[in-house]
Each structure stands twice: as C-alpha cells, then as structure tokens.
Amino acid sequence: LNDKILNSADEIRTKEIAASVHGLQVDPVIKRFDGKAQDPVTGRH
C-alpha cells in the first residue's frame, strides 16, 4: 500500500506540474485520489 501511495503521489504531482506549466487545469478526479493500488484478487489497478 505504501509503495502504491508513493508512486501514485509522484504521478499526481508530475501531472499537476505539467498542467501548471502549460496553463491547464488539473483534473478534479485526479486531485480527489492520492494513492494507487492493485486488487490482489482480480489484478486490476
């Protein structure tokens, strides 16, 4: 869980910086989630 949270946080931060450089608005859906994980049963992220 910690690994997925860190990876997801970096990805979200990268997307926010890119959006600010290009003058774009960050997707509110992306801002609402601060972590990424994989379901051990189905394998889906």
PDB file of all heavy atoms in Angstrom:
ATOM      1  N   LEU A   1       0.825  -1.197   0.000  1.00  0.00           N
ATOM      2  CA  LEU A   1       0.000   0.000   0.000  1.00  0.00           C
ATOM      3  C   LEU A   1       0.865   1.254   0.000  1.00  0.00           C
ATOM      4  O   LEU A   1       0.607   2.228  -0.703  1.00  0.00           O
ATOM      5  CB  LEU A   1      -0.936  -0.018   1.223  1.00  0.00           C
ATOM      6  CG  LEU A   1      -1.888   1.171   1.349  1.00  0.00           C
ATOM      7  CD1 LEU A   1      -2.812   1.236   0.120  1.00  0.00           C
ATOM      8  CD2 LEU A   1      -2.705   1.064   2.613  1.00  0.00           C
ATOM      9  N   ASN A   2       1.936   1.247   0.801  1.00  0.00           N
ATOM     10  CA  ASN A   2       2.813   2.417   0.870  1.00  0.00           C
ATOM     11  C   ASN A   2       3.473   2.672  -0.471  1.00  0.00           C
ATOM     12  O   ASN A   2       3.598   3.806  -0.926  1.00  0.00           O
ATOM     13  CB  ASN A   2       3.871   2.214   1.942  1.00  0.00           C
ATOM     14  CG  ASN A   2       3.241   2.207   3.346  1.00  0.00           C
ATOM     15  OD1 ASN A   2       2.183   2.806   3.527  1.00  0.00           O
ATOM     16  ND2 ASN A   2       3.874   1.541   4.296  1.00  0.00           N
ATOM     17  N   ASP A   3       3.936   1.581  -1.129  1.00  0.00           N
ATOM     18  CA  ASP A   3       4.566   1.737  -2.437  1.00  0.00           C
ATOM     19  C   ASP A   3       3.611   2.347  -3.433  1.00  0.00           C
ATOM     20  O   ASP A   3       3.969   3.247  -4.185  1.00  0.00           O
ATOM     21  CB  ASP A   3       5.071   0.389  -2.960  1.00  0.00           C
ATOM     22  CG  ASP A   3       6.219  -0.140  -2.098  1.00  0.00           C
ATOM     23  OD1 ASP A   3       6.802   0.680  -1.363  1.00  0.00           O
ATOM     24  OD2 ASP A   3       6.492  -1.357  -2.167  1.00  0.00           O
ATOM     25  N   LYS A   4       2.389   1.854  -3.464  1.00  0.00           N
ATOM     26  CA  LYS A   4       1.407   2.338  -4.413  1.00  0.00           C
ATOM     27  C   LYS A   4       1.059   3.773  -4.135  1.00  0.00           C
ATOM     28  O   LYS A   4       0.819   4.580  -5.025  1.00  0.00           O
ATOM     29  CB  LYS A   4       0.136   1.456  -4.386  1.00  0.00           C
ATOM     30  CG  LYS A   4       0.381   0.012  -4.832  1.00  0.00           C
ATOM     31  CD  LYS A   4       0.879  -0.043  -6.251  1.00  0.00           C
ATOM     32  CE  LYS A   4       1.111  -1.496  -6.695  1.00  0.00           C
ATOM     33  NZ  LYS A   4       1.605  -1.570  -8.087  1.00  0.00           N
ATOM     34  N   ILE A   5       0.997   4.132  -2.826  1.00  0.00           N
ATOM     35  CA  ILE A   5       0.674   5.523  -2.464  1.00  0.00           C
ATOM     36  C   ILE A   5       1.767   6.456  -2.938  1.00  0.00           C
ATOM     37  O   ILE A   5       1.508   7.516  -3.516  1.00  0.00           O
ATOM     38  CB  ILE A   5       0.474   5.645  -0.957  1.00  0.00           C
ATOM     39  CG1 ILE A   5      -0.809   4.895  -0.539  1.00  0.00           C
ATOM     40  CG2 ILE A   5       0.372   7.096  -0.546  1.00  0.00           C
ATOM     41  CD1 ILE A   5      -1.025   4.879   0.942  1.00  0.00           C
ATOM     42  N   LEU A   6       3.048   6.070  -2.713  1.00  0.00           N
ATOM     43  CA  LEU A   6       4.163   6.916  -3.125  1.00  0.00           C
ATOM     44  C   LEU A   6       4.171   7.086  -4.629  1.00  0.00           C
ATOM     45  O   LEU A   6       4.320   8.195  -5.156  1.00  0.00           O
ATOM     46  CB  LEU A   6       5.486   6.326  -2.634  1.00  0.00           C
ATOM     47  CG  LEU A   6       5.672   6.334  -1.101  1.00  0.00           C
ATOM     48  CD1 LEU A   6       6.961   5.612  -0.734  1.00  0.00           C
ATOM     49  CD2 LEU A   6       5.661   7.750  -0.558  1.00  0.00           C
ATOM     50  N   ASN A   7       4.057   5.981  -5.358  1.00  0.00           N
ATOM     51  CA  ASN A   7       4.061   6.049  -6.813  1.00  0.00           C
ATOM     52  C   ASN A   7       2.933   6.909  -7.321  1.00  0.00           C
ATOM     53  O   ASN A   7       3.103   7.729  -8.234  1.00  0.00           O
ATOM     54  CB  ASN A   7       3.962   4.656  -7.422  1.00  0.00           C
ATOM     55  CG  ASN A   7       5.192   3.798  -7.106  1.00  0.00           C
ATOM     56  OD1 ASN A   7       6.264   4.357  -6.826  1.00  0.00           O
ATOM     57  ND2 ASN A   7       5.030   2.502  -7.177  1.00  0.00           N
ATOM     58  N   SER A   8       1.765   6.730  -6.724  1.00  0.00           N
ATOM     59  CA  SER A   8       0.621   7.497  -7.178  1.00  0.00           C
ATOM     60  C   SER A   8       0.795   8.961  -6.861  1.00  0.00           C
ATOM     61  O   SER A   8       0.441   9.845  -7.640  1.00  0.00           O
ATOM     62  CB  SER A   8      -0.654   6.948  -6.537  1.00  0.00           C
ATOM     63  OG  SER A   8      -1.745   7.712  -6.949  1.00  0.00           O
ATOM     64  N   ALA A   9       1.342   9.266  -5.696  1.00  0.00           N
ATOM     65  CA  ALA A   9       1.551  10.670  -5.310  1.00  0.00           C
ATOM     66  C   ALA A   9       2.521  11.347  -6.269  1.00  0.00           C
ATOM     67  O   ALA A   9       2.316  12.496  -6.681  1.00  0.00           O
ATOM     68  CB  ALA A   9       2.071  10.733  -3.884  1.00  0.00           C
ATOM     69  N   ASP A  10       3.625  10.660  -6.639  1.00  0.00           N
ATOM     70  CA  ASP A  10       4.588  11.229  -7.573  1.00  0.00           C
ATOM     71  C   ASP A  10       3.935  11.480  -8.920  1.00  0.00           C
ATOM     72  O   ASP A  10       4.145  12.511  -9.570  1.00  0.00           O
ATOM     73  CB  ASP A  10       5.783  10.289  -7.743  1.00  0.00           C
ATOM     74  CG  ASP A  10       6.588  10.187  -6.442  1.00  0.00           C
ATOM     75  OD1 ASP A  10       6.420  11.102  -5.598  1.00  0.00           O
ATOM     76  OD2 ASP A  10       7.331   9.187  -6.280  1.00  0.00           O
ATOM     77  N   GLU A  11       3.156  10.478  -9.368  1.00  0.00           N
ATOM     78  CA  GLU A  11       2.498  10.639 -10.659  1.00  0.00           C
ATOM     79  C   GLU A  11       1.535  11.803 -10.636  1.00  0.00           C
ATOM     80  O   GLU A  11       1.456  12.593 -11.589  1.00  0.00           O
ATOM     81  CB  GLU A  11       1.772   9.352 -11.040  1.00  0.00           C
ATOM     82  CG  GLU A  11       2.705   8.179 -11.328  1.00  0.00           C
ATOM     83  CD  GLU A  11       1.927   6.908 -11.633  1.00  0.00           C
ATOM     84  OE1 GLU A  11       0.673   6.978 -11.632  1.00  0.00           O
ATOM     85  OE2 GLU A  11       2.550   5.856 -11.871  1.00  0.00           O
ATOM     86  N   ILE A  12       0.766  11.916  -9.553  1.00  0.00           N
ATOM     87  CA  ILE A  12      -0.196  13.020  -9.462  1.00  0.00           C
ATOM     88  C   ILE A  12       0.523  14.359  -9.420  1.00  0.00           C
ATOM     89  O   ILE A  12       0.117  15.336 -10.067  1.00  0.00           O
ATOM     90  CB  ILE A  12      -1.072  12.839  -8.227  1.00  0.00           C
ATOM     91  CG1 ILE A  12      -1.960  11.577  -8.399  1.00  0.00           C
ATOM     92  CG2 ILE A  12      -1.958  14.039  -7.993  1.00  0.00           C
ATOM     93  CD1 ILE A  12      -2.755  11.226  -7.177  1.00  0.00           C
ATOM     94  N   ARG A  13       1.658  14.374  -8.664  1.00  0.00           N
ATOM     95  CA  ARG A  13       2.420  15.647  -8.575  1.00  0.00           C
ATOM     96  C   ARG A  13       2.993  16.017  -9.942  1.00  0.00           C
ATOM     97  O   ARG A  13       2.975  17.173 -10.348  1.00  0.00           O
ATOM     98  CB  ARG A  13       3.558  15.484  -7.553  1.00  0.00           C
ATOM     99  CG  ARG A  13       4.386  16.749  -7.362  1.00  0.00           C
ATOM    100  CD  ARG A  13       3.513  17.880  -6.871  1.00  0.00           C
ATOM    101  NE  ARG A  13       4.295  19.096  -6.694  1.00  0.00           N
ATOM    102  CZ  ARG A  13       3.788  20.303  -6.452  1.00  0.00           C
ATOM    103  NH1 ARG A  13       2.456  20.431  -6.409  1.00  0.00           N
ATOM    104  NH2 ARG A  13       4.577  21.362  -6.275  1.00  0.00           N
ATOM    105  N   THR A  14       3.490  15.039 -10.671  1.00  0.00           N
ATOM    106  CA  THR A  14       4.040  15.283 -12.016  1.00  0.00           C
ATOM    107  C   THR A  14       2.981  15.851 -12.935  1.00  0.00           C
ATOM    108  O   THR A  14       3.216  16.788 -13.696  1.00  0.00           O
ATOM    109  CB  THR A  14       4.616  13.990 -12.600  1.00  0.00           C
ATOM    110  OG1 THR A  14       5.611  13.481 -11.722  1.00  0.00           O
ATOM    111  CG2 THR A  14       5.207  14.222 -13.974  1.00  0.00           C
ATOM    112  N   LYS A  15       1.742  15.259 -12.852  1.00  0.00           N
ATOM    113  CA  LYS A  15       0.653  15.748 -13.678  1.00  0.00           C
ATOM    114  C   LYS A  15       0.253  17.165 -13.298  1.00  0.00           C
ATOM    115  O   LYS A  15      -0.108  17.983 -14.148  1.00  0.00           O
ATOM    116  CB  LYS A  15      -0.562  14.816 -13.579  1.00  0.00           C
ATOM    117  CG  LYS A  15      -0.317  13.460 -14.237  1.00  0.00           C
ATOM    118  CD  LYS A  15      -1.575  12.598 -14.128  1.00  0.00           C
ATOM    119  CE  LYS A  15      -1.346  11.250 -14.796  1.00  0.00           C
ATOM    120  NZ  LYS A  15      -2.540  10.399 -14.751  1.00  0.00           N
ATOM    121  N   GLU A  16       0.329  17.507 -12.018  1.00  0.00           N
ATOM    122  CA  GLU A  16      -0.020  18.859 -11.590  1.00  0.00           C
ATOM    123  C   GLU A  16       1.001  19.876 -12.115  1.00  0.00           C
ATOM    124  O   GLU A  16       0.648  20.976 -12.567  1.00  0.00           O
ATOM    125  CB  GLU A  16      -0.088  18.917 -10.060  1.00  0.00           C
ATOM    126  CG  GLU A  16      -1.275  18.153  -9.473  1.00  0.00           C
ATOM    127  CD  GLU A  16      -1.278  18.218  -7.955  1.00  0.00           C
ATOM    128  OE1 GLU A  16      -0.255  18.675  -7.387  1.00  0.00           O
ATOM    129  OE2 GLU A  16      -2.295  17.817  -7.355  1.00  0.00           O
ATOM    130  N   ILE A  17       2.326  19.520 -12.043  1.00  0.00           N
ATOM    131  CA  ILE A  17       3.366  20.447 -12.526  1.00  0.00           C
ATOM    132  C   ILE A  17       3.224  20.658 -14.018  1.00  0.00           C
ATOM    133  O   ILE A  17       3.292  21.782 -14.541  1.00  0.00           O
ATOM    134  CB  ILE A  17       4.766  19.898 -12.194  1.00  0.00           C
ATOM    135  CG1 ILE A  17       4.960  19.878 -10.673  1.00  0.00           C
ATOM    136  CG2 ILE A  17       5.850  20.736 -12.856  1.00  0.00           C
ATOM    137  CD1 ILE A  17       6.247  19.186 -10.246  1.00  0.00           C
ATOM    138  N   ALA A  18       2.976  19.557 -14.730  1.00  0.00           N
ATOM    139  CA  ALA A  18       2.820  19.675 -16.182  1.00  0.00           C
ATOM    140  C   ALA A  18       1.632  20.533 -16.528  1.00  0.00           C
ATOM    141  O   ALA A  18       1.655  21.331 -17.467  1.00  0.00           O
ATOM    142  CB  ALA A  18       2.703  18.289 -16.810  1.00  0.00           C
ATOM    143  N   ALA A  19       0.605  20.396 -15.794  1.00  0.00           N
ATOM    144  CA  ALA A  19      -0.601  21.174 -16.069  1.00  0.00           C
ATOM    145  C   ALA A  19      -0.377  22.641 -15.797  1.00  0.00           C
ATOM    146  O   ALA A  19      -0.858  23.524 -16.526  1.00  0.00           O
ATOM    147  CB  ALA A  19      -1.760  20.638 -15.239  1.00  0.00           C
ATOM    148  N   SER A  20       0.394  22.931 -14.716  1.00  0.00           N
ATOM    149  CA  SER A  20       0.646  24.342 -14.388  1.00  0.00           C
ATOM    150  C   SER A  20       1.564  24.996 -15.412  1.00  0.00           C
ATOM    151  O   SER A  20       1.422  26.172 -15.740  1.00  0.00           O
ATOM    152  CB  SER A  20       1.258  24.430 -12.983  1.00  0.00           C
ATOM    153  OG  SER A  20       2.490  23.733 -12.935  1.00  0.00           O
ATOM    154  N   VAL A  21       2.551  24.238 -15.975  1.00  0.00           N
ATOM    155  CA  VAL A  21       3.476  24.801 -16.974  1.00  0.00           C
ATOM    156  C   VAL A  21       2.721  25.144 -18.234  1.00  0.00           C
ATOM    157  O   VAL A  21       2.932  26.192 -18.859  1.00  0.00           O
ATOM    158  CB  VAL A  21       4.614  23.797 -17.268  1.00  0.00           C
ATOM    159  CG1 VAL A  21       5.449  24.270 -18.472  1.00  0.00           C
ATOM    160  CG2 VAL A  21       5.483  23.651 -16.040  1.00  0.00           C
ATOM    161  N   HIS A  22       1.854  24.294 -18.628  1.00  0.00           N
ATOM    162  CA  HIS A  22       1.116  24.515 -19.865  1.00  0.00           C
ATOM    163  C   HIS A  22      -0.126  25.343 -19.650  1.00  0.00           C
ATOM    164  O   HIS A  22      -0.930  25.526 -20.571  1.00  0.00           O
ATOM    165  CB  HIS A  22       0.733  23.169 -20.510  1.00  0.00           C
ATOM    166  CG  HIS A  22       1.925  22.369 -20.978  1.00  0.00           C
ATOM    167  ND1 HIS A  22       2.633  21.541 -20.140  1.00  0.00           N
ATOM    168  CD2 HIS A  22       2.525  22.299 -22.202  1.00  0.00           C
ATOM    169  CE1 HIS A  22       3.608  20.962 -20.810  1.00  0.00           C
ATOM    170  NE2 HIS A  22       3.566  21.427 -22.112  1.00  0.00           N
ATOM    171  N   GLY A  23      -0.374  25.743 -18.403  1.00  0.00           N
ATOM    172  CA  GLY A  23      -1.545  26.591 -18.144  1.00  0.00           C
ATOM    173  C   GLY A  23      -2.839  25.823 -18.164  1.00  0.00           C
ATOM    174  O   GLY A  23      -3.886  26.386 -18.465  1.00  0.00           O
ATOM    175  N   LEU A  24      -2.786  24.561 -17.830  1.00  0.00           N
ATOM    176  CA  LEU A  24      -4.002  23.726 -17.840  1.00  0.00           C
ATOM    177  C   LEU A  24      -4.506  23.497 -16.419  1.00  0.00           C
ATOM    178  O   LEU A  24      -3.753  23.565 -15.460  1.00  0.00           O
ATOM    179  CB  LEU A  24      -3.713  22.369 -18.522  1.00  0.00           C
ATOM    180  CG  LEU A  24      -3.236  22.464 -19.964  1.00  0.00           C
ATOM    181  CD1 LEU A  24      -2.883  21.065 -20.497  1.00  0.00           C
ATOM    182  CD2 LEU A  24      -4.297  23.117 -20.865  1.00  0.00           C
ATOM    183  N   GLN A  25      -5.770  23.146 -16.362  1.00  0.00           N
ATOM    184  CA  GLN A  25      -6.394  22.873 -15.055  1.00  0.00           C
ATOM    185  C   GLN A  25      -6.287  21.387 -14.739  1.00  0.00           C
ATOM    186  O   GLN A  25      -6.528  20.544 -15.594  1.00  0.00           O
ATOM    187  CB  GLN A  25      -7.868  23.295 -15.066  1.00  0.00           C
ATOM    188  CG  GLN A  25      -8.513  23.180 -13.705  1.00  0.00           C
ATOM    189  CD  GLN A  25      -9.965  23.651 -13.741  1.00  0.00           C
ATOM    190  OE1 GLN A  25     -10.449  24.074 -14.793  1.00  0.00           O
ATOM    191  NE2 GLN A  25     -10.590  23.625 -12.609  1.00  0.00           N
ATOM    192  N   VAL A  26      -5.935  21.097 -13.505  1.00  0.00           N
ATOM    193  CA  VAL A  26      -5.781  19.695 -13.100  1.00  0.00           C
ATOM    194  C   VAL A  26      -7.159  19.044 -12.990  1.00  0.00           C
ATOM    195  O   VAL A  26      -8.102  19.642 -12.472  1.00  0.00           O
ATOM    196  CB  VAL A  26      -5.024  19.591 -11.763  1.00  0.00           C
ATOM    197  CG1 VAL A  26      -4.875  18.135 -11.353  1.00  0.00           C
ATOM    198  CG2 VAL A  26      -3.673  20.252 -11.894  1.00  0.00           C
ATOM    199  N   ASP A  27      -7.208  17.812 -13.481  1.00  0.00           N
ATOM    200  CA  ASP A  27      -8.477  17.051 -13.415  1.00  0.00           C
ATOM    201  C   ASP A  27      -8.906  16.892 -11.960  1.00  0.00           C
ATOM    202  O   ASP A  27      -8.144  16.367 -11.131  1.00  0.00           O
ATOM    203  CB  ASP A  27      -8.278  15.679 -14.063  1.00  0.00           C
ATOM    204  CG  ASP A  27      -9.592  14.941 -14.206  1.00  0.00           C
ATOM    205  OD1 ASP A  27     -10.620  15.441 -13.703  1.00  0.00           O
ATOM    206  OD2 ASP A  27      -9.586  13.840 -14.812  1.00  0.00           O
ATOM    207  N   PRO A  28     -10.143  17.328 -11.598  1.00  0.00           N
ATOM    208  CA  PRO A  28     -10.591  17.199 -10.191  1.00  0.00           C
ATOM    209  C   PRO A  28     -10.679  15.754  -9.734  1.00  0.00           C
ATOM    210  O   PRO A  28     -10.587  15.453  -8.561  1.00  0.00           O
ATOM    211  CB  PRO A  28     -11.961  17.876 -10.188  1.00  0.00           C
ATOM    212  CG  PRO A  28     -12.421  17.832 -11.617  1.00  0.00           C
ATOM    213  CD  PRO A  28     -11.179  17.949 -12.454  1.00  0.00           C
ATOM    214  N   VAL A  29     -10.848  14.890 -10.702  1.00  0.00           N
ATOM    215  CA  VAL A  29     -10.899  13.479 -10.310  1.00  0.00           C
ATOM    216  C   VAL A  29      -9.561  13.025  -9.813  1.00  0.00           C
ATOM    217  O   VAL A  29      -9.426  12.279  -8.837  1.00  0.00           O
ATOM    218  CB  VAL A  29     -11.361  12.622 -11.513  1.00  0.00           C
ATOM    219  CG1 VAL A  29     -11.303  11.140 -11.169  1.00  0.00           C
ATOM    220  CG2 VAL A  29     -12.761  13.028 -11.950  1.00  0.00           C
ATOM    221  N   ILE A  30      -8.466  13.492 -10.489  1.00  0.00           N
ATOM    222  CA  ILE A  30      -7.119  13.105 -10.084  1.00  0.00           C
ATOM    223  C   ILE A  30      -6.797  13.695  -8.726  1.00  0.00           C
ATOM    224  O   ILE A  30      -6.173  13.060  -7.886  1.00  0.00           O
ATOM    225  CB  ILE A  30      -6.106  13.558 -11.153  1.00  0.00           C
ATOM    226  CG1 ILE A  30      -6.413  12.811 -12.483  1.00  0.00           C
ATOM    227  CG2 ILE A  30      -4.695  13.293 -10.710  1.00  0.00           C
ATOM    228  CD1 ILE A  30      -5.532  13.256 -13.620  1.00  0.00           C
ATOM    229  N   LYS A  31      -7.277  14.883  -8.466  1.00  0.00           N
ATOM    230  CA  LYS A  31      -6.967  15.530  -7.186  1.00  0.00           C
ATOM    231  C   LYS A  31      -7.698  14.857  -6.035  1.00  0.00           C
ATOM    232  O   LYS A  31      -7.281  14.939  -4.893  1.00  0.00           O
ATOM    233  CB  LYS A  31      -7.360  17.015  -7.247  1.00  0.00           C
ATOM    234  CG  LYS A  31      -6.533  17.799  -8.252  1.00  0.00           C
ATOM    235  CD  LYS A  31      -6.964  19.243  -8.312  1.00  0.00           C
ATOM    236  CE  LYS A  31      -6.688  19.932  -6.985  1.00  0.00           C
ATOM    237  NZ  LYS A  31      -7.035  21.357  -7.021  1.00  0.00           N
ATOM    238  N   ARG A  32      -8.799  14.215  -6.315  1.00  0.00           N
ATOM    239  CA  ARG A  32      -9.573  13.605  -5.252  1.00  0.00           C
ATOM    240  C   ARG A  32      -8.920  12.345  -4.724  1.00  0.00           C
ATOM    241  O   ARG A  32      -9.178  11.893  -3.633  1.00  0.00           O
ATOM    242  CB  ARG A  32     -10.985  13.286  -5.767  1.00  0.00           C
ATOM    243  CG  ARG A  32     -11.941  12.866  -4.658  1.00  0.00           C
ATOM    244  CD  ARG A  32     -13.391  12.874  -5.098  1.00  0.00           C
ATOM    245  NE  ARG A  32     -13.652  11.912  -6.166  1.00  0.00           N
ATOM    246  CZ  ARG A  32     -13.997  12.221  -7.402  1.00  0.00           C
ATOM    247  NH1 ARG A  32     -14.086  13.509  -7.771  1.00  0.00           N
ATOM    248  NH2 ARG A  32     -14.222  11.286  -8.318  1.00  0.00           N
ATOM    249  N   PHE A  33      -8.048  11.690  -5.510  1.00  0.00           N
ATOM    250  CA  PHE A  33      -7.390  10.455  -5.095  1.00  0.00           C
ATOM    251  C   PHE A  33      -5.904  10.737  -4.896  1.00  0.00           C
ATOM    252  O   PHE A  33      -5.269  11.426  -5.713  1.00  0.00           O
ATOM    253  CB  PHE A  33      -7.573   9.354  -6.143  1.00  0.00           C
ATOM    254  CG  PHE A  33      -9.015   9.034  -6.425  1.00  0.00           C
ATOM    255  CD1 PHE A  33      -9.678   9.543  -7.536  1.00  0.00           C
ATOM    256  CD2 PHE A  33      -9.731   8.230  -5.551  1.00  0.00           C
ATOM    257  CE1 PHE A  33     -10.999   9.252  -7.775  1.00  0.00           C
ATOM    258  CE2 PHE A  33     -11.055   7.931  -5.798  1.00  0.00           C
ATOM    259  CZ  PHE A  33     -11.695   8.435  -6.898  1.00  0.00           C
ATOM    260  N   ASP A  34      -5.346  10.211  -3.814  1.00  0.00           N
ATOM    261  CA  ASP A  34      -3.935  10.438  -3.513  1.00  0.00           C
ATOM    262  C   ASP A  34      -3.147   9.134  -3.464  1.00  0.00           C
ATOM    263  O   ASP A  34      -2.037   9.109  -2.944  1.00  0.00           O
ATOM    264  CB  ASP A  34      -3.775  11.182  -2.196  1.00  0.00           C
ATOM    265  CG  ASP A  34      -4.440  10.436  -1.055  1.00  0.00           C
ATOM    266  OD1 ASP A  34      -5.065   9.365  -1.342  1.00  0.00           O
ATOM    267  OD2 ASP A  34      -4.354  10.874   0.100  1.00  0.00           O
ATOM    268  N   GLY A  35      -3.700   8.070  -3.975  1.00  0.00           N
ATOM    269  CA  GLY A  35      -2.991   6.794  -3.959  1.00  0.00           C
ATOM    270  C   GLY A  35      -3.447   5.884  -5.062  1.00  0.00           C
ATOM    271  O   GLY A  35      -4.508   6.056  -5.661  1.00  0.00           O
ATOM    272  N   LYS A  36      -2.606   4.876  -5.358  1.00  0.00           N
ATOM    273  CA  LYS A  36      -2.908   3.908  -6.393  1.00  0.00           C
ATOM    274  C   LYS A  36      -2.568   2.523  -5.864  1.00  0.00           C
ATOM    275  O   LYS A  36      -1.553   2.357  -5.201  1.00  0.00           O
ATOM    276  CB  LYS A  36      -2.103   4.218  -7.644  1.00  0.00           C
ATOM    277  CG  LYS A  36      -2.344   3.249  -8.809  1.00  0.00           C
ATOM    278  CD  LYS A  36      -1.497   3.624  -9.987  1.00  0.00           C
ATOM    279  CE  LYS A  36      -1.715   2.656 -11.150  1.00  0.00           C
ATOM    280  NZ  LYS A  36      -0.834   2.981 -12.302  1.00  0.00           N
ATOM    281  N   ALA A  37      -3.439   1.526  -6.125  1.00  0.00           N
ATOM    282  CA  ALA A  37      -3.208   0.167  -5.618  1.00  0.00           C
ATOM    283  C   ALA A  37      -3.728  -0.842  -6.622  1.00  0.00           C
ATOM    284  O   ALA A  37      -4.414  -0.497  -7.591  1.00  0.00           O
ATOM    285  CB  ALA A  37      -3.877  -0.024  -4.268  1.00  0.00           C
ATOM    286  N   GLN A  38      -3.348  -2.119  -6.365  1.00  0.00           N
ATOM    287  CA  GLN A  38      -3.758  -3.223  -7.235  1.00  0.00           C
ATOM    288  C   GLN A  38      -4.570  -4.230  -6.428  1.00  0.00           C
ATOM    289  O   GLN A  38      -4.185  -4.619  -5.324  1.00  0.00           O
ATOM    290  CB  GLN A  38      -2.530  -3.903  -7.834  1.00  0.00           C
ATOM    291  CG  GLN A  38      -2.897  -5.036  -8.815  1.00  0.00           C
ATOM    292  CD  GLN A  38      -1.663  -5.702  -9.404  1.00  0.00           C
ATOM    293  OE1 GLN A  38      -0.554  -5.472  -8.932  1.00  0.00           O
ATOM    294  NE2 GLN A  38      -1.868  -6.514 -10.429  1.00  0.00           N
ATOM    295  N   ASP A  39      -5.707  -4.636  -6.991  1.00  0.00           N
ATOM    296  CA  ASP A  39      -6.570  -5.628  -6.321  1.00  0.00           C
ATOM    297  C   ASP A  39      -5.900  -6.986  -6.401  1.00  0.00           C
ATOM    298  O   ASP A  39      -5.619  -7.476  -7.512  1.00  0.00           O
ATOM    299  CB  ASP A  39      -7.939  -5.680  -7.014  1.00  0.00           C
ATOM    300  CG  ASP A  39      -8.931  -6.497  -6.224  1.00  0.00           C
ATOM    301  OD1 ASP A  39      -8.497  -7.331  -5.411  1.00  0.00           O
ATOM    302  OD2 ASP A  39     -10.147  -6.295  -6.426  1.00  0.00           O
ATOM    303  N   PRO A  40      -5.595  -7.648  -5.241  1.00  0.00           N
ATOM    304  CA  PRO A  40      -4.906  -8.943  -5.267  1.00  0.00           C
ATOM    305  C   PRO A  40      -5.757 -10.065  -5.840  1.00  0.00           C
ATOM    306  O   PRO A  40      -5.243 -11.112  -6.184  1.00  0.00           O
ATOM    307  CB  PRO A  40      -4.562  -9.180  -3.803  1.00  0.00           C
ATOM    308  CG  PRO A  40      -5.590  -8.430  -3.054  1.00  0.00           C
ATOM    309  CD  PRO A  40      -5.891  -7.208  -3.870  1.00  0.00           C
ATOM    310  N   VAL A  41      -7.068  -9.876  -5.926  1.00  0.00           N
ATOM    311  CA  VAL A  41      -7.932 -10.942  -6.422  1.00  0.00           C
ATOM    312  C   VAL A  41      -8.071 -10.859  -7.936  1.00  0.00           C
ATOM    313  O   VAL A  41      -7.860 -11.821  -8.672  1.00  0.00           O
ATOM    314  CB  VAL A  41      -9.305 -10.878  -5.734  1.00  0.00           C
ATOM    315  CG1 VAL A  41     -10.230 -11.947  -6.317  1.00  0.00           C
ATOM    316  CG2 VAL A  41      -9.155 -11.053  -4.240  1.00  0.00           C
ATOM    317  N   THR A  42      -8.432  -9.670  -8.440  1.00  0.00           N
ATOM    318  CA  THR A  42      -8.662  -9.517  -9.881  1.00  0.00           C
ATOM    319  C   THR A  42      -7.434  -9.039 -10.629  1.00  0.00           C
ATOM    320  O   THR A  42      -7.345  -9.185 -11.854  1.00  0.00           O
ATOM    321  CB  THR A  42      -9.808  -8.536 -10.101  1.00  0.00           C
ATOM    322  OG1 THR A  42      -9.428  -7.249  -9.586  1.00  0.00           O
ATOM    323  CG2 THR A  42     -11.060  -9.010  -9.377  1.00  0.00           C
ATOM    324  N   GLY A  43      -6.475  -8.417  -9.910  1.00  0.00           N
ATOM    325  CA  GLY A  43      -5.279  -7.908 -10.567  1.00  0.00           C
ATOM    326  C   GLY A  43      -5.452  -6.533 -11.177  1.00  0.00           C
ATOM    327  O   GLY A  43      -4.527  -6.005 -11.806  1.00  0.00           O
ATOM    328  N   ARG A  44      -6.635  -5.957 -11.041  1.00  0.00           N
ATOM    329  CA  ARG A  44      -6.900  -4.638 -11.616  1.00  0.00           C
ATOM    330  C   ARG A  44      -6.342  -3.537 -10.703  1.00  0.00           C
ATOM    331  O   ARG A  44      -6.294  -3.700  -9.489  1.00  0.00           O
ATOM    332  CB  ARG A  44      -8.399  -4.437 -11.826  1.00  0.00           C
ATOM    333  CG  ARG A  44      -9.006  -5.378 -12.874  1.00  0.00           C
ATOM    334  CD  ARG A  44     -10.500  -5.127 -13.009  1.00  0.00           C
ATOM    335  NE  ARG A  44     -10.730  -3.734 -13.420  1.00  0.00           N
ATOM    336  CZ  ARG A  44     -11.955  -3.193 -13.521  1.00  0.00           C
ATOM    337  NH1 ARG A  44     -13.020  -3.927 -13.223  1.00  0.00           N
ATOM    338  NH2 ARG A  44     -12.095  -1.945 -13.905  1.00  0.00           N
ATOM    339  N   HIS A  45      -5.960  -2.379 -11.311  1.00  0.00           N
ATOM    340  CA  HIS A  45      -5.458  -1.226 -10.564  1.00  0.00           C
ATOM    341  C   HIS A  45      -6.592  -0.256 -10.310  1.00  0.00           C
ATOM    342  O   HIS A  45      -7.530  -0.151 -11.118  1.00  0.00           O
ATOM    343  CB  HIS A  45      -4.332  -0.513 -11.328  1.00  0.00           C
ATOM    344  CG  HIS A  45      -3.082  -1.340 -11.418  1.00  0.00           C
ATOM    345  ND1 HIS A  45      -2.907  -2.343 -12.363  1.00  0.00           N
ATOM    346  CD2 HIS A  45      -1.935  -1.306 -10.678  1.00  0.00           C
ATOM    347  CE1 HIS A  45      -1.719  -2.907 -12.222  1.00  0.00           C
ATOM    348  NE2 HIS A  45      -1.102  -2.281 -11.196  1.00  0.00           N
TER     349      HIS A  45
END
